[in-house]
Protein backbone atom coordinates (compact mmCIF):
# COMPACT_ATOMS: atom_id res chain seq x y z
CA MET A 1 43.90 -9.38 8.63
CA ARG A 2 40.37 -10.41 7.76
CA THR A 3 38.14 -10.81 10.83
CA ALA A 4 35.48 -13.48 11.15
CA ALA A 5 32.05 -12.24 10.07
CA LEU A 6 29.03 -12.35 12.35
CA LEU A 7 26.70 -15.04 10.95
CA ILE A 8 23.03 -14.09 10.63
CA ASP A 9 20.30 -16.56 9.73
CA GLY A 10 18.27 -14.95 6.95
CA SER A 11 15.39 -17.41 7.36
CA ILE A 12 14.32 -16.59 10.93
CA LEU A 13 10.96 -15.03 11.82
CA GLU A 14 9.95 -12.67 8.97
CA GLY A 15 12.59 -14.38 6.86
CA GLY A 16 12.66 -11.73 4.13
CA GLY A 17 14.38 -8.59 2.96
CA GLN A 18 14.11 -6.80 6.30
CA ILE A 19 16.82 -9.02 7.77
CA LEU A 20 19.16 -7.91 4.98
CA ARG A 21 18.24 -4.25 5.32
CA ASN A 22 18.68 -3.98 9.07
CA SER A 23 21.75 -6.18 9.38
CA ALA A 24 23.55 -4.37 6.54
CA ALA A 25 22.75 -0.94 8.01
CA LEU A 26 23.94 -1.92 11.49
CA ALA A 27 27.05 -3.57 10.05
CA ALA A 28 27.96 -0.37 8.19
CA ILE A 29 27.37 1.77 11.30
CA THR A 30 29.34 -0.43 13.70
CA GLY A 31 32.03 -1.59 11.28
CA THR A 32 31.03 -5.23 11.91
CA SER A 33 31.53 -7.73 9.10
CA ILE A 34 28.42 -9.85 8.60
CA THR A 35 27.40 -12.93 6.65
CA VAL A 36 23.69 -13.44 6.00
CA ASP A 37 22.87 -17.02 5.07
CA LYS A 38 19.62 -18.70 3.93
CA ILE A 39 18.39 -15.45 2.41
CA ARG A 40 14.61 -15.48 1.92
CA ALA A 41 14.78 -19.27 2.14
CA GLY A 42 11.05 -19.72 2.64
CA ARG A 43 9.92 -17.47 -0.23
CA SER A 44 8.54 -18.78 -3.52
CA ARG A 45 11.56 -17.18 -5.23
CA PRO A 46 14.32 -17.48 -2.60
CA GLY A 47 17.54 -15.52 -2.55
CA LEU A 48 18.25 -11.92 -3.50
CA ARG A 49 15.82 -10.09 -5.76
CA PRO A 50 16.96 -6.99 -7.70
CA GLN A 51 15.65 -4.55 -5.08
CA HIS A 52 17.48 -6.35 -2.26
CA LEU A 53 20.72 -6.40 -4.23
CA THR A 54 20.39 -2.71 -5.10
CA GLY A 55 19.94 -1.82 -1.43
CA LEU A 56 22.98 -3.87 -0.40
CA GLN A 57 25.10 -2.29 -3.11
CA LEU A 58 24.01 1.16 -1.93
CA VAL A 59 25.18 0.44 1.62
CA GLU A 60 28.38 -1.12 0.24
CA ARG A 61 29.20 2.16 -1.54
CA MET A 62 28.23 4.30 1.43
CA CYS A 63 30.58 2.42 3.76
CA GLU A 64 33.34 1.91 1.16
CA GLY A 65 32.97 -1.78 1.89
CA SER A 66 33.21 -5.10 0.11
CA LEU A 67 30.17 -7.22 -0.77
CA GLU A 68 30.51 -10.90 -1.62
CA GLY A 69 27.67 -12.94 -3.07
CA GLY A 70 26.04 -9.87 -4.56
CA THR A 71 24.10 -11.44 -7.43
CA VAL A 72 20.37 -11.90 -8.05
CA GLY A 73 19.32 -15.27 -6.63
CA SER A 74 22.21 -15.51 -4.17
CA SER A 75 21.30 -17.13 -0.83
CA ARG A 76 24.40 -15.96 1.04
CA ILE A 77 26.18 -12.60 1.22
CA THR A 78 29.08 -11.20 3.21
CA LEU A 79 29.49 -7.47 3.81
CA GLN A 80 32.80 -6.11 5.09
CA PRO A 81 32.31 -2.41 5.87
CA ARG A 82 34.94 0.26 6.20
CA THR A 83 34.07 3.94 6.69
CA LEU A 84 30.60 5.41 6.29
CA SER A 85 31.03 8.53 4.20
CA CYS A 86 28.78 11.46 3.38
CA GLY A 87 28.27 12.15 -0.30
CA GLU A 88 25.84 11.76 -3.17
CA TYR A 89 24.64 8.27 -4.03
CA ILE A 90 22.30 6.92 -6.72
CA ALA A 91 20.56 3.55 -6.49
CA ASP A 92 18.22 2.21 -9.17
CA THR A 93 16.40 -1.11 -8.85
CA GLN A 94 15.57 -0.91 -12.60
CA THR A 95 12.31 -2.60 -11.57
CA ALA A 96 9.21 -1.67 -9.56
CA GLY A 97 11.02 -2.77 -6.39
CA SER A 98 10.33 -0.43 -3.49
CA CYS A 99 12.29 2.83 -3.16
CA THR A 100 10.96 3.34 0.35
CA LEU A 101 12.54 0.15 1.64
CA MET A 102 15.88 1.47 0.40
CA VAL A 103 15.20 4.61 2.44
CA GLN A 104 14.53 2.40 5.46
CA GLN A 105 17.87 0.65 4.94
CA SER A 106 20.05 3.68 4.30
CA LEU A 107 18.60 6.31 6.65
CA PRO A 108 20.28 5.05 9.86
CA CYS A 109 23.60 5.03 8.00
CA LEU A 110 23.22 8.69 7.07
CA LEU A 111 23.08 9.66 10.74
CA PHE A 112 26.54 8.17 11.42
CA ALA A 113 28.34 9.06 8.17
CA LYS A 114 31.57 11.09 8.11
CA PRO A 115 32.56 13.84 5.67
CA HIS A 116 34.26 12.18 2.71
CA ARG A 117 38.02 12.59 2.59
CA ASP A 118 37.65 14.47 -0.72
CA SER A 119 34.90 16.80 0.54
CA ALA A 120 34.21 18.93 3.59
CA SER A 121 30.43 18.60 3.23
CA ASN A 122 28.55 16.64 5.86
CA ILE A 123 25.30 16.43 3.87
CA THR A 124 24.39 13.18 2.16
CA LYS A 125 21.97 13.08 -0.76
CA LEU A 126 20.37 9.89 -2.02
CA VAL A 127 18.63 9.51 -5.38
CA LEU A 128 16.60 6.30 -5.22
CA ARG A 129 14.75 4.89 -8.22
CA GLY A 130 12.15 2.16 -8.53
CA GLY A 131 8.61 1.77 -7.20
CA THR A 132 7.27 4.47 -4.89
CA ASP A 133 3.91 2.82 -4.24
CA ALA A 134 4.71 -0.89 -4.15
CA ASP A 135 3.05 -3.93 -2.63
CA MET A 136 4.19 -4.99 0.85
CA ALA A 137 5.97 -1.70 1.54
CA PRO A 138 4.97 1.69 2.97
CA PRO A 139 4.13 4.19 0.21
CA VAL A 140 6.31 7.24 -0.28
CA ASP A 141 3.54 9.48 1.09
CA TYR A 142 3.87 7.66 4.42
CA PHE A 143 7.50 8.74 4.62
CA VAL A 144 6.66 12.32 3.63
CA HIS A 145 3.71 12.80 5.99
CA VAL A 146 4.34 10.38 8.88
CA LEU A 147 7.79 8.83 9.32
CA PHE A 148 10.04 11.81 8.58
CA PRO A 149 7.92 14.31 10.58
CA THR A 150 8.07 11.86 13.50
CA LEU A 151 11.87 11.65 13.25
CA GLN A 152 12.10 15.43 13.09
CA THR A 153 9.95 16.05 16.16
CA ARG A 154 10.69 13.00 18.33
CA LEU A 155 14.41 12.65 17.65
CA GLY A 156 15.27 16.24 16.78
CA LEU A 157 16.49 15.19 13.33
CA SER A 158 15.55 18.46 11.64
CA ASP A 159 17.96 17.90 8.74
CA VAL A 160 16.42 14.67 7.44
CA LYS A 161 14.21 15.32 4.43
CA VAL A 162 12.47 13.21 1.80
CA GLU A 163 10.82 14.28 -1.44
CA CYS A 164 9.01 12.32 -4.12
CA MET A 165 10.19 13.61 -7.49
CA ARG A 166 8.25 11.09 -9.60
CA ARG A 167 5.92 8.24 -8.72
CA GLY A 168 6.56 4.79 -10.13
CA PHE A 169 4.25 1.76 -10.16
CA MET A 170 4.08 -1.90 -11.07
CA PRO A 171 5.22 -3.36 -13.35
CA ARG A 172 7.91 -0.94 -14.59
CA GLY A 173 8.82 1.26 -11.63
CA GLY A 174 10.46 4.45 -12.87
CA GLY A 175 9.79 6.43 -9.68
CA GLU A 176 12.36 8.61 -7.95
CA ILE A 177 12.79 9.68 -4.32
CA HIS A 178 15.36 12.18 -3.00
CA VAL A 179 16.60 11.93 0.58
CA THR A 180 18.96 14.38 2.28
CA ALA A 181 20.37 14.19 5.79
CA ALA A 182 23.13 15.53 7.99
CA PRO A 183 24.83 13.22 10.50
CA LEU A 184 24.64 13.56 14.25
CA PRO A 185 27.03 16.15 15.71
CA PRO A 186 30.44 14.62 16.58
CA GLY A 187 30.49 12.85 19.94
CA THR A 188 26.70 12.70 20.29
CA SER A 189 24.18 9.87 20.29
CA LEU A 190 20.59 9.55 19.18
CA GLN A 191 18.26 10.65 21.95
CA PRO A 192 15.93 7.97 23.32
CA LEU A 193 12.38 7.74 22.02
CA ASP A 194 9.39 8.00 24.31
CA ILE A 195 6.13 7.49 22.43
CA THR A 196 3.82 6.29 25.17
CA THR A 197 1.05 8.88 25.55
CA ARG A 198 -1.51 8.76 22.76
CA GLY A 199 -3.80 11.66 23.63
CA GLU A 200 -6.95 12.42 21.67
CA VAL A 201 -7.28 12.55 17.89
CA SER A 202 -7.02 16.23 16.94
CA SER A 203 -7.19 16.01 13.13
CA ILE A 204 -7.32 13.69 10.13
CA ARG A 205 -5.65 14.46 6.80
CA ILE A 206 -6.57 12.52 3.68
CA HIS A 207 -4.06 12.39 0.81
CA ALA A 208 -5.19 10.74 -2.43
CA PHE A 209 -3.74 10.70 -5.94
CA SER A 210 -4.08 9.17 -9.38
CA ALA A 211 -1.74 9.06 -12.35
CA GLY A 212 -1.53 7.91 -15.95
CA ARG A 213 -4.71 6.37 -17.30
CA VAL A 214 -6.42 6.38 -13.90
CA ALA A 215 -9.09 9.09 -14.01
CA ALA A 216 -8.58 12.38 -12.19
CA SER A 217 -11.92 11.80 -10.46
CA VAL A 218 -10.63 8.72 -8.61
CA PRO A 219 -8.75 10.53 -5.81
CA GLU A 220 -11.81 12.68 -5.15
CA ARG A 221 -13.98 9.58 -4.87
CA MET A 222 -11.49 7.85 -2.57
CA ALA A 223 -11.14 10.91 -0.34
CA ALA A 224 -14.91 11.44 -0.09
CA ALA A 225 -15.50 7.80 0.81
CA ALA A 226 -12.71 7.84 3.38
CA GLU A 227 -14.06 10.99 5.01
CA GLN A 228 -17.52 9.46 5.28
CA GLN A 229 -16.10 6.35 6.94
CA ILE A 230 -14.02 8.43 9.37
CA ARG A 231 -16.98 10.64 10.27
CA THR A 232 -19.17 7.58 10.90
CA ARG A 233 -16.69 6.23 13.46
CA LEU A 234 -15.17 9.40 14.98
CA GLY A 235 -18.06 11.84 14.64
CA ALA A 236 -18.18 15.39 13.30
CA ALA A 237 -15.98 17.03 15.96
CA VAL A 238 -12.63 15.86 14.54
CA PRO A 239 -11.43 18.15 11.71
CA VAL A 240 -10.89 16.28 8.42
CA SER A 241 -9.04 17.80 5.47
CA ARG A 242 -8.71 16.40 1.94
CA HIS A 243 -5.69 16.76 -0.35
CA THR A 244 -6.18 15.23 -3.80
CA ALA A 245 -4.10 15.35 -6.95
CA TYR A 246 -3.86 13.99 -10.46
CA GLU A 247 -0.13 13.59 -11.14
CA PRO A 248 1.00 14.97 -14.52
CA ALA A 249 3.24 12.91 -16.79
CA GLU A 250 6.46 14.47 -15.48
CA ARG A 251 5.48 13.50 -11.92
CA ALA A 252 4.54 9.87 -12.51
CA TYR A 253 5.62 6.94 -14.66
CA GLY A 254 2.81 4.53 -15.44
CA ASP A 255 -0.70 4.12 -14.10
CA GLY A 256 -1.65 4.09 -10.44
CA CYS A 257 -3.61 5.55 -7.56
CA GLY A 258 -3.49 5.45 -3.79
CA ILE A 259 -4.71 6.96 -0.55
CA LEU A 260 -3.12 7.76 2.81
CA LEU A 261 -5.03 8.81 5.92
CA VAL A 262 -2.99 10.51 8.66
CA ALA A 263 -4.28 11.03 12.19
CA GLU A 264 -2.55 13.53 14.46
CA THR A 265 -3.19 13.45 18.20
CA SER A 266 -3.04 16.06 20.95
CA THR A 267 0.35 14.69 22.04
CA GLY A 268 1.86 14.83 18.55
CA CYS A 269 1.52 11.16 17.62
CA LEU A 270 1.11 10.47 13.91
CA LEU A 271 -0.62 7.28 12.76
CA ALA A 272 -1.71 6.32 9.27
CA GLY A 273 -3.59 3.85 7.14
CA SER A 274 -2.98 3.43 3.42
CA ALA A 275 -4.06 1.48 0.36
CA LYS A 276 -3.23 1.51 -3.32
CA GLY A 277 -5.63 1.01 -6.16
CA GLN A 278 -5.99 -2.37 -7.83
CA ARG A 279 -7.45 -3.18 -11.21
CA GLY A 280 -11.14 -3.97 -10.83
CA VAL A 281 -11.39 -2.65 -7.25
CA ALA A 282 -13.74 0.30 -6.70
CA SER A 283 -12.35 3.56 -5.33
CA GLU A 284 -14.67 3.28 -2.34
CA ALA A 285 -13.29 -0.17 -1.49
CA VAL A 286 -9.72 1.13 -1.62
CA ALA A 287 -10.70 3.96 0.72
CA ALA A 288 -12.36 1.50 3.09
CA THR A 289 -9.16 -0.54 3.36
CA ALA A 290 -7.10 2.50 4.34
CA SER A 291 -9.76 3.82 6.72
CA SER A 292 -10.14 0.48 8.50
CA GLU A 293 -6.37 0.17 8.91
CA LEU A 294 -6.15 3.58 10.60
CA LEU A 295 -9.31 3.22 12.70
CA GLU A 296 -8.16 -0.13 14.08
CA GLU A 297 -4.98 1.47 15.47
CA LEU A 298 -6.85 4.51 16.80
CA GLU A 299 -9.50 2.47 18.56
CA ALA A 300 -6.82 0.27 20.17
CA GLY A 301 -5.14 3.34 21.68
CA ALA A 302 -1.75 2.73 20.04
CA CYS A 303 0.78 5.57 19.74
CA VAL A 304 2.27 4.25 16.49
CA ASP A 305 0.89 2.26 13.57
CA GLN A 306 2.10 -1.06 12.20
CA TRP A 307 4.48 0.57 9.69
CA MET A 308 6.10 2.82 12.30
CA GLN A 309 6.68 -0.03 14.75
CA ASP A 310 9.46 -1.86 12.97
CA GLN A 311 11.04 1.25 11.45
CA LEU A 312 11.72 2.74 14.89
CA ILE A 313 13.30 -0.42 16.33
CA ILE A 314 16.73 0.12 14.75
CA LEU A 315 16.81 3.74 15.98
CA MET A 316 15.80 2.69 19.50
CA ALA A 317 18.66 0.18 19.47
CA LEU A 318 21.19 2.83 18.41
CA ALA A 319 20.01 5.48 20.88
CA ALA A 320 21.36 6.30 24.33
CA GLY A 321 19.26 5.47 27.39
CA GLU A 322 15.91 3.70 27.46
CA SER A 323 13.40 4.12 24.65
CA ARG A 324 9.73 3.19 25.00
CA MET A 325 6.97 2.71 22.44
CA LEU A 326 3.29 1.88 23.05
CA CYS A 327 1.83 -0.10 20.18
CA SER A 328 -0.63 -2.77 19.18
CA GLU A 329 0.64 -6.35 18.98
CA PRO A 330 4.23 -6.27 17.64
CA THR A 331 4.27 -7.41 14.04
CA LEU A 332 6.52 -10.14 12.76
CA HIS A 333 8.67 -7.43 11.14
CA THR A 334 8.97 -5.67 14.50
CA ARG A 335 9.99 -8.84 16.31
CA THR A 336 12.52 -9.63 13.59
CA ALA A 337 14.01 -6.13 13.83
CA MET A 338 14.50 -6.58 17.59
CA VAL A 339 16.30 -9.90 17.17
CA ILE A 340 18.65 -8.55 14.47
CA ALA A 341 19.41 -5.39 16.48
CA GLU A 342 20.36 -7.41 19.56
CA GLN A 343 22.53 -9.73 17.51
CA VAL A 344 24.55 -6.99 15.79
CA LEU A 345 24.54 -4.44 18.66
CA PRO A 346 25.84 -6.08 21.85
CA GLY A 347 24.62 -3.22 24.07
CA ALA A 348 21.01 -3.20 22.85
CA LYS A 349 18.39 -5.07 24.86
CA PHE A 350 14.65 -5.17 24.13
CA SER A 351 11.71 -6.25 26.27
CA VAL A 352 8.02 -6.53 25.44
CA SER A 353 5.18 -6.44 27.98
CA THR A 354 1.41 -6.18 27.83
CA VAL A 355 -0.38 -3.03 28.97
CA THR A 356 -3.80 -3.09 30.60
CA GLN A 357 -6.11 -0.28 29.56
CA ASP A 358 -9.64 0.64 30.54
CA GLY A 359 -12.42 1.41 28.12
CA ARG A 360 -10.67 0.31 24.90
CA PRO A 361 -10.93 -2.95 22.97
CA GLY A 362 -7.90 -5.09 22.28
CA GLN A 363 -4.51 -5.32 23.93
CA LEU A 364 -1.59 -2.89 23.88
CA TYR A 365 2.10 -3.65 24.23
CA MET A 366 5.03 -1.67 25.59
CA ILE A 367 8.32 -2.15 23.78
CA ARG A 368 11.32 -1.01 25.83
CA CYS A 369 14.90 -0.84 24.66
CA LYS A 370 18.13 -0.19 26.47
CA GLY A 371 20.02 1.42 23.61
CA ALA A 372 23.60 0.69 22.61
CA ALA A 373 24.43 4.42 22.81
CA GLY A 374 26.13 4.60 19.43
CA LYS A 375 28.08 7.84 19.20
CA HIS A 376 29.01 9.80 16.10
CA ASP A 377 32.67 10.08 17.04
CA ASP A 378 34.76 13.02 15.96
CA VAL A 379 37.45 10.66 14.65
CA GLN A 380 36.59 9.61 11.11
CA GLY A 381 35.68 5.97 10.89
CA ALA A 382 35.46 5.39 14.65
CA LEU A 383 32.13 4.65 16.31
CA GLY A 384 31.81 4.01 20.02
CA PHE A 385 29.12 1.64 21.29
CA MET A 386 28.28 0.88 24.91
CA ASP A 387 29.21 -2.62 26.06
CA ALA A 388 30.90 -3.27 22.74
CA SER A 389 33.15 -5.84 24.36
CA HIS A 390 30.25 -8.04 25.50
CA GLU A 391 29.77 -11.32 23.73
CA ARG A 392 26.95 -11.26 21.19
CA ALA A 393 23.95 -13.29 22.19
CA HIS A 394 22.52 -15.91 19.90
CA PRO A 395 19.33 -14.74 18.17
CA HIS A 396 16.10 -15.49 19.94
CA VAL A 397 12.42 -14.83 19.54
CA HIS A 398 10.86 -12.17 21.75
CA PRO A 399 7.70 -13.35 23.52
CA MET A 400 4.63 -11.18 23.26
CA ALA A 401 4.52 -10.79 27.03
CA GLU A 402 6.29 -11.94 30.14
């Protein structure tokens, strides 16, 4: 018998693809049927775009589910999940739509997948194709050097790995990312996150690249400019290393360049700033954008950057116990992720409060989450969640402070 789907308003808060990504992932993990309505209603081109549809179809295959309304331009979809299964999956946007946002959508699912009935392997491999360095999305280097190392050290997820096989840029895409992961051991939950002690900056790494018709000298110029800007603000005591590359034809499709600055602290926090090259914009200006983004977070005293904020929310909601994260003002994406997590996971509860600090400019915020304690059960297809019988609350907007 078909059960009623949980209705999610796709126009609230951020009102974009993140609502689709997070709600579909949580639906697949919990086995909850969802309907997302008013998809991207406030955008200039509302409804599903090819990259959103590709991500939904990927989750549909992973959970052996059924997707209704899965066409480009659709403003309403329904996903009925079944069993999340390990395996090998390929997803291709056939555009320059972001590969990394597909990683964001599928990664939580990998942690709760079961060995497929036709295979004893518990390793899942994803081959994701599209844009690796796209507008309005974290670049693939951020996943390689910041997000995945954080998941490995903070959550003990040593088996999650990401590799960029080929970069792809606007307007044609053509990039390829490989992701592999093993699920949580049967009967266990994600451990809670505690990222609340920033420590001192211990090192800065600068990663810059160019490809195609963008000159090989560009990454060197970007890295040199970024280092100068970092030294001006942080002084000479902090070690700075440069890693530059010109990508050969087999490692990139099209023309592009970009830079990522990664700060590591004495407590193991990783924060980053990034920028990609634009036609007519000097290398030094691109470097300044990335440097300013990172320095703003460092000077505020935050433990995570703006990209990390919203990507950790779904994992905090799935974890056991209380998770805590010290950050700068929660972004609209972060607030949206909290609302969607509470709506789909009855046991998850978030709170946001301000934190007073001495000697630093700006305001910090503490995000706390009582996790739903999702367990990777040893019975295929069964997932246990704390307080699963509680009535789901209507979505609401989290205030910035009590």
